[in-house]
Amino acid sequence: MYKHTIIFKTGQLILPEKTDLHFVTDLLHIGQLELNYIGAAAAVDNKNAEQASLLVFHFNTEQELDYSMQESEINHLLSELLKKENPKISTDSNDINVKF
């Protein structure tokens, strides 16, 4: 198994009381996220939490991923994971963590 982390950054979000799958999917498709990191599993530290929010995806694959893929391919991959898997969604301050 290969472990991966994808991190998007956006302006500071006002999170709903319960951050759910629909909220995360909408964020992914809005087009206002900036790809911040794609690579092997990584620890996440948002040093600008007052100014920015992170949307962090942690997942495993049986095959290696091409980390040079286009952002549209990354969004498609994550959309498919959100549809097929049962992600665990949690929040930490202004950040959202999604684990598959």
N, C-alpha and C. Protein backbone atom coordinates (compact mmCIF):
# COMPACT_ATOMS: atom_id res chain seq x y z
N MET A 1 0.83 -1.19 0.00
CA MET A 1 0.00 0.00 0.00
C MET A 1 0.87 1.25 0.00
N TYR A 2 0.41 2.23 -0.75
CA TYR A 2 1.09 3.51 -0.81
C TYR A 2 0.21 4.55 -0.11
N LYS A 3 0.81 5.33 0.77
CA LYS A 3 0.08 6.36 1.50
C LYS A 3 0.30 7.71 0.82
N HIS A 4 -0.79 8.49 0.72
CA HIS A 4 -0.73 9.77 0.02
C HIS A 4 -1.43 10.86 0.83
N THR A 5 -0.97 12.07 0.61
CA THR A 5 -1.60 13.25 1.19
C THR A 5 -1.73 14.30 0.10
N ILE A 6 -2.92 14.88 0.00
CA ILE A 6 -3.14 16.00 -0.91
C ILE A 6 -3.71 17.13 -0.06
N ILE A 7 -3.10 18.31 -0.19
CA ILE A 7 -3.52 19.45 0.60
C ILE A 7 -3.89 20.61 -0.33
N PHE A 8 -5.08 21.15 -0.12
CA PHE A 8 -5.51 22.35 -0.80
C PHE A 8 -5.59 23.47 0.22
N LYS A 9 -5.34 24.69 -0.24
CA LYS A 9 -5.39 25.86 0.63
C LYS A 9 -6.43 26.82 0.05
N THR A 10 -7.13 27.51 0.91
CA THR A 10 -8.11 28.51 0.49
C THR A 10 -8.17 29.59 1.57
N GLY A 11 -8.91 30.65 1.30
CA GLY A 11 -9.09 31.67 2.32
C GLY A 11 -9.75 31.06 3.54
N GLN A 12 -9.69 31.76 4.64
CA GLN A 12 -10.25 31.24 5.88
C GLN A 12 -11.72 30.90 5.70
N LEU A 13 -12.10 29.68 6.06
CA LEU A 13 -13.47 29.21 5.94
C LEU A 13 -14.21 29.37 7.25
N ILE A 14 -15.50 29.62 7.13
CA ILE A 14 -16.39 29.54 8.28
C ILE A 14 -17.06 28.19 8.15
N LEU A 15 -16.65 27.28 9.00
CA LEU A 15 -17.12 25.90 8.90
C LEU A 15 -18.49 25.73 9.54
N PRO A 16 -19.32 24.90 8.92
CA PRO A 16 -20.62 24.61 9.54
C PRO A 16 -20.42 23.81 10.82
N GLU A 17 -21.47 23.71 11.62
CA GLU A 17 -21.38 22.95 12.87
C GLU A 17 -20.94 21.52 12.62
N LYS A 18 -21.47 20.91 11.56
CA LYS A 18 -21.08 19.56 11.18
C LYS A 18 -20.59 19.59 9.74
N THR A 19 -19.32 19.39 9.54
CA THR A 19 -18.76 19.37 8.20
C THR A 19 -18.99 17.98 7.62
N ASP A 20 -19.77 17.93 6.54
CA ASP A 20 -20.15 16.64 5.97
C ASP A 20 -19.61 16.45 4.56
N LEU A 21 -19.93 15.30 3.98
CA LEU A 21 -19.45 14.93 2.66
C LEU A 21 -19.90 15.95 1.61
N HIS A 22 -21.11 16.42 1.70
CA HIS A 22 -21.64 17.39 0.73
C HIS A 22 -20.81 18.68 0.77
N PHE A 23 -20.49 19.16 1.96
CA PHE A 23 -19.70 20.38 2.12
C PHE A 23 -18.31 20.21 1.48
N VAL A 24 -17.66 19.08 1.74
CA VAL A 24 -16.33 18.81 1.20
C VAL A 24 -16.38 18.70 -0.32
N THR A 25 -17.37 18.01 -0.85
CA THR A 25 -17.51 17.85 -2.30
C THR A 25 -17.72 19.21 -2.96
N ASP A 26 -18.55 20.05 -2.36
CA ASP A 26 -18.77 21.39 -2.91
C ASP A 26 -17.48 22.20 -2.92
N LEU A 27 -16.72 22.14 -1.86
CA LEU A 27 -15.44 22.86 -1.81
C LEU A 27 -14.50 22.40 -2.94
N LEU A 28 -14.48 21.11 -3.16
CA LEU A 28 -13.59 20.55 -4.18
C LEU A 28 -13.98 21.04 -5.58
N HIS A 29 -15.26 21.24 -5.82
CA HIS A 29 -15.73 21.61 -7.15
C HIS A 29 -15.90 23.12 -7.36
N ILE A 30 -15.78 23.89 -6.30
CA ILE A 30 -15.97 25.34 -6.41
C ILE A 30 -14.89 25.98 -7.27
N GLY A 31 -13.70 25.44 -7.24
CA GLY A 31 -12.62 26.00 -8.06
C GLY A 31 -11.84 27.10 -7.38
N GLN A 32 -12.01 27.28 -6.08
CA GLN A 32 -11.27 28.33 -5.38
C GLN A 32 -10.21 27.76 -4.44
N LEU A 33 -9.87 26.50 -4.67
CA LEU A 33 -8.83 25.87 -3.87
C LEU A 33 -7.50 25.94 -4.61
N GLU A 34 -6.46 26.14 -3.87
CA GLU A 34 -5.11 26.17 -4.44
C GLU A 34 -4.38 24.91 -3.99
N LEU A 35 -3.90 24.14 -4.95
CA LEU A 35 -3.15 22.92 -4.61
C LEU A 35 -1.88 23.33 -3.88
N ASN A 36 -1.72 22.82 -2.67
CA ASN A 36 -0.61 23.22 -1.82
C ASN A 36 0.43 22.11 -1.70
N TYR A 37 -0.02 20.84 -1.75
CA TYR A 37 0.90 19.72 -1.60
C TYR A 37 0.25 18.46 -2.16
N ILE A 38 1.05 17.66 -2.84
CA ILE A 38 0.66 16.31 -3.22
C ILE A 38 1.90 15.44 -3.09
N GLY A 39 1.76 14.35 -2.36
CA GLY A 39 2.91 13.49 -2.17
C GLY A 39 2.63 12.38 -1.18
N ALA A 40 3.71 11.82 -0.68
CA ALA A 40 3.60 10.74 0.31
C ALA A 40 2.97 11.31 1.57
N ALA A 41 2.49 10.43 2.42
CA ALA A 41 1.85 10.85 3.67
C ALA A 41 2.69 11.92 4.35
N ALA A 42 2.02 12.98 4.80
CA ALA A 42 2.74 14.10 5.40
C ALA A 42 2.01 14.62 6.62
N ALA A 43 2.78 15.13 7.56
CA ALA A 43 2.19 15.82 8.71
C ALA A 43 1.75 17.20 8.24
N VAL A 44 0.67 17.69 8.80
CA VAL A 44 0.11 18.96 8.35
C VAL A 44 0.16 19.96 9.50
N ASP A 45 0.66 21.15 9.19
CA ASP A 45 0.71 22.23 10.17
C ASP A 45 0.32 23.52 9.46
N ASN A 46 -0.84 24.04 9.78
CA ASN A 46 -1.31 25.28 9.17
C ASN A 46 -0.79 26.44 9.99
N LYS A 47 0.27 27.07 9.53
CA LYS A 47 0.90 28.16 10.26
C LYS A 47 0.17 29.49 10.09
N ASN A 48 -0.78 29.53 9.14
CA ASN A 48 -1.55 30.76 8.89
C ASN A 48 -3.03 30.52 9.11
N ALA A 49 -3.39 29.85 10.18
CA ALA A 49 -4.79 29.48 10.44
C ALA A 49 -5.72 30.69 10.53
N GLU A 50 -5.20 31.85 10.89
CA GLU A 50 -6.05 33.05 10.97
C GLU A 50 -6.39 33.57 9.58
N GLN A 51 -5.62 33.19 8.57
CA GLN A 51 -5.80 33.73 7.23
C GLN A 51 -6.22 32.69 6.20
N ALA A 52 -5.95 31.44 6.46
CA ALA A 52 -6.20 30.40 5.45
C ALA A 52 -6.72 29.13 6.11
N SER A 53 -7.47 28.38 5.32
CA SER A 53 -7.94 27.06 5.74
C SER A 53 -7.35 26.02 4.81
N LEU A 54 -7.13 24.83 5.35
CA LEU A 54 -6.61 23.72 4.55
C LEU A 54 -7.68 22.64 4.42
N LEU A 55 -7.72 22.03 3.25
CA LEU A 55 -8.54 20.86 3.00
C LEU A 55 -7.55 19.74 2.73
N VAL A 56 -7.45 18.79 3.66
CA VAL A 56 -6.40 17.76 3.62
C VAL A 56 -7.03 16.39 3.39
N PHE A 57 -6.53 15.69 2.38
CA PHE A 57 -6.98 14.35 2.07
C PHE A 57 -5.85 13.36 2.35
N HIS A 58 -6.14 12.31 3.10
CA HIS A 58 -5.20 11.22 3.35
C HIS A 58 -5.84 9.95 2.81
N PHE A 59 -5.11 9.22 1.97
CA PHE A 59 -5.67 7.99 1.42
C PHE A 59 -4.55 7.05 1.00
N ASN A 60 -4.91 5.79 0.78
CA ASN A 60 -3.97 4.76 0.35
C ASN A 60 -4.37 4.24 -1.02
N THR A 61 -3.38 3.80 -1.77
CA THR A 61 -3.63 3.13 -3.04
C THR A 61 -2.75 1.88 -3.13
N GLU A 62 -3.16 0.97 -3.97
CA GLU A 62 -2.34 -0.22 -4.20
C GLU A 62 -1.24 0.07 -5.20
N GLN A 63 -1.45 1.04 -6.06
CA GLN A 63 -0.48 1.45 -7.08
C GLN A 63 0.13 2.80 -6.69
N GLU A 64 1.32 3.06 -7.19
CA GLU A 64 1.91 4.37 -7.00
C GLU A 64 1.10 5.40 -7.77
N LEU A 65 1.12 6.64 -7.30
CA LEU A 65 0.45 7.73 -8.01
C LEU A 65 1.49 8.58 -8.73
N ASP A 66 1.08 9.13 -9.86
CA ASP A 66 1.92 10.08 -10.58
C ASP A 66 1.66 11.46 -9.97
N TYR A 67 2.57 11.94 -9.16
CA TYR A 67 2.38 13.20 -8.46
C TYR A 67 2.47 14.42 -9.39
N SER A 68 2.78 14.20 -10.65
CA SER A 68 2.83 15.31 -11.59
C SER A 68 1.52 15.47 -12.36
N MET A 69 0.47 14.76 -11.94
CA MET A 69 -0.80 14.84 -12.66
C MET A 69 -1.39 16.24 -12.57
N GLN A 70 -2.24 16.55 -13.54
CA GLN A 70 -2.90 17.86 -13.61
C GLN A 70 -3.90 18.01 -12.46
N GLU A 71 -4.20 19.24 -12.11
CA GLU A 71 -5.12 19.49 -11.01
C GLU A 71 -6.51 18.92 -11.31
N SER A 72 -6.93 18.95 -12.56
CA SER A 72 -8.23 18.37 -12.93
C SER A 72 -8.24 16.86 -12.68
N GLU A 73 -7.11 16.20 -12.91
CA GLU A 73 -7.00 14.76 -12.64
C GLU A 73 -7.05 14.48 -11.14
N ILE A 74 -6.42 15.34 -10.37
CA ILE A 74 -6.44 15.20 -8.91
C ILE A 74 -7.88 15.36 -8.40
N ASN A 75 -8.58 16.38 -8.89
CA ASN A 75 -9.96 16.60 -8.47
C ASN A 75 -10.83 15.41 -8.84
N HIS A 76 -10.61 14.85 -10.02
CA HIS A 76 -11.38 13.68 -10.45
C HIS A 76 -11.10 12.48 -9.53
N LEU A 77 -9.84 12.24 -9.23
CA LEU A 77 -9.45 11.16 -8.33
C LEU A 77 -10.13 11.31 -6.97
N LEU A 78 -10.07 12.50 -6.41
CA LEU A 78 -10.67 12.74 -5.10
C LEU A 78 -12.20 12.65 -5.16
N SER A 79 -12.80 13.13 -6.23
CA SER A 79 -14.26 13.02 -6.38
C SER A 79 -14.69 11.56 -6.40
N GLU A 80 -13.94 10.73 -7.11
CA GLU A 80 -14.26 9.30 -7.18
C GLU A 80 -14.10 8.64 -5.81
N LEU A 81 -13.05 9.01 -5.09
CA LEU A 81 -12.86 8.47 -3.74
C LEU A 81 -14.01 8.89 -2.82
N LEU A 82 -14.44 10.15 -2.94
CA LEU A 82 -15.54 10.63 -2.10
C LEU A 82 -16.84 9.88 -2.40
N LYS A 83 -17.04 9.51 -3.67
CA LYS A 83 -18.25 8.78 -4.06
C LYS A 83 -18.21 7.32 -3.61
N LYS A 84 -17.05 6.69 -3.76
CA LYS A 84 -16.95 5.23 -3.56
C LYS A 84 -16.58 4.82 -2.14
N GLU A 85 -15.84 5.64 -1.47
CA GLU A 85 -15.36 5.28 -0.13
C GLU A 85 -16.25 5.91 0.93
N ASN A 86 -16.01 5.55 2.16
CA ASN A 86 -16.73 6.14 3.28
C ASN A 86 -15.74 6.98 4.08
N PRO A 87 -15.53 8.23 3.67
CA PRO A 87 -14.48 9.03 4.31
C PRO A 87 -14.85 9.44 5.73
N LYS A 88 -13.82 9.57 6.54
CA LYS A 88 -13.97 10.12 7.89
C LYS A 88 -13.57 11.59 7.78
N ILE A 89 -14.52 12.46 8.09
CA ILE A 89 -14.29 13.89 7.95
C ILE A 89 -14.24 14.51 9.35
N SER A 90 -13.18 15.26 9.59
CA SER A 90 -13.04 15.94 10.87
C SER A 90 -12.53 17.36 10.63
N THR A 91 -12.70 18.19 11.64
CA THR A 91 -12.21 19.55 11.54
C THR A 91 -11.24 19.82 12.69
N ASP A 92 -10.31 20.70 12.42
CA ASP A 92 -9.35 21.13 13.42
C ASP A 92 -9.17 22.63 13.21
N SER A 93 -9.75 23.41 14.07
CA SER A 93 -9.74 24.86 13.93
C SER A 93 -10.45 25.22 12.62
N ASN A 94 -9.73 25.78 11.65
CA ASN A 94 -10.32 26.15 10.36
C ASN A 94 -10.04 25.14 9.27
N ASP A 95 -9.42 24.03 9.59
CA ASP A 95 -9.00 23.05 8.60
C ASP A 95 -9.95 21.84 8.58
N ILE A 96 -10.02 21.20 7.41
CA ILE A 96 -10.83 20.00 7.24
C ILE A 96 -9.91 18.86 6.86
N ASN A 97 -10.06 17.73 7.56
CA ASN A 97 -9.28 16.53 7.28
C ASN A 97 -10.22 15.43 6.80
N VAL A 98 -9.85 14.81 5.68
CA VAL A 98 -10.64 13.74 5.09
C VAL A 98 -9.73 12.52 4.99
N LYS A 99 -10.14 11.44 5.65
CA LYS A 99 -9.34 10.21 5.63
C LYS A 99 -10.17 9.08 5.03
N PHE A 100 -9.55 8.37 4.11
CA PHE A 100 -10.19 7.23 3.47
C PHE A 100 -9.54 5.96 3.99
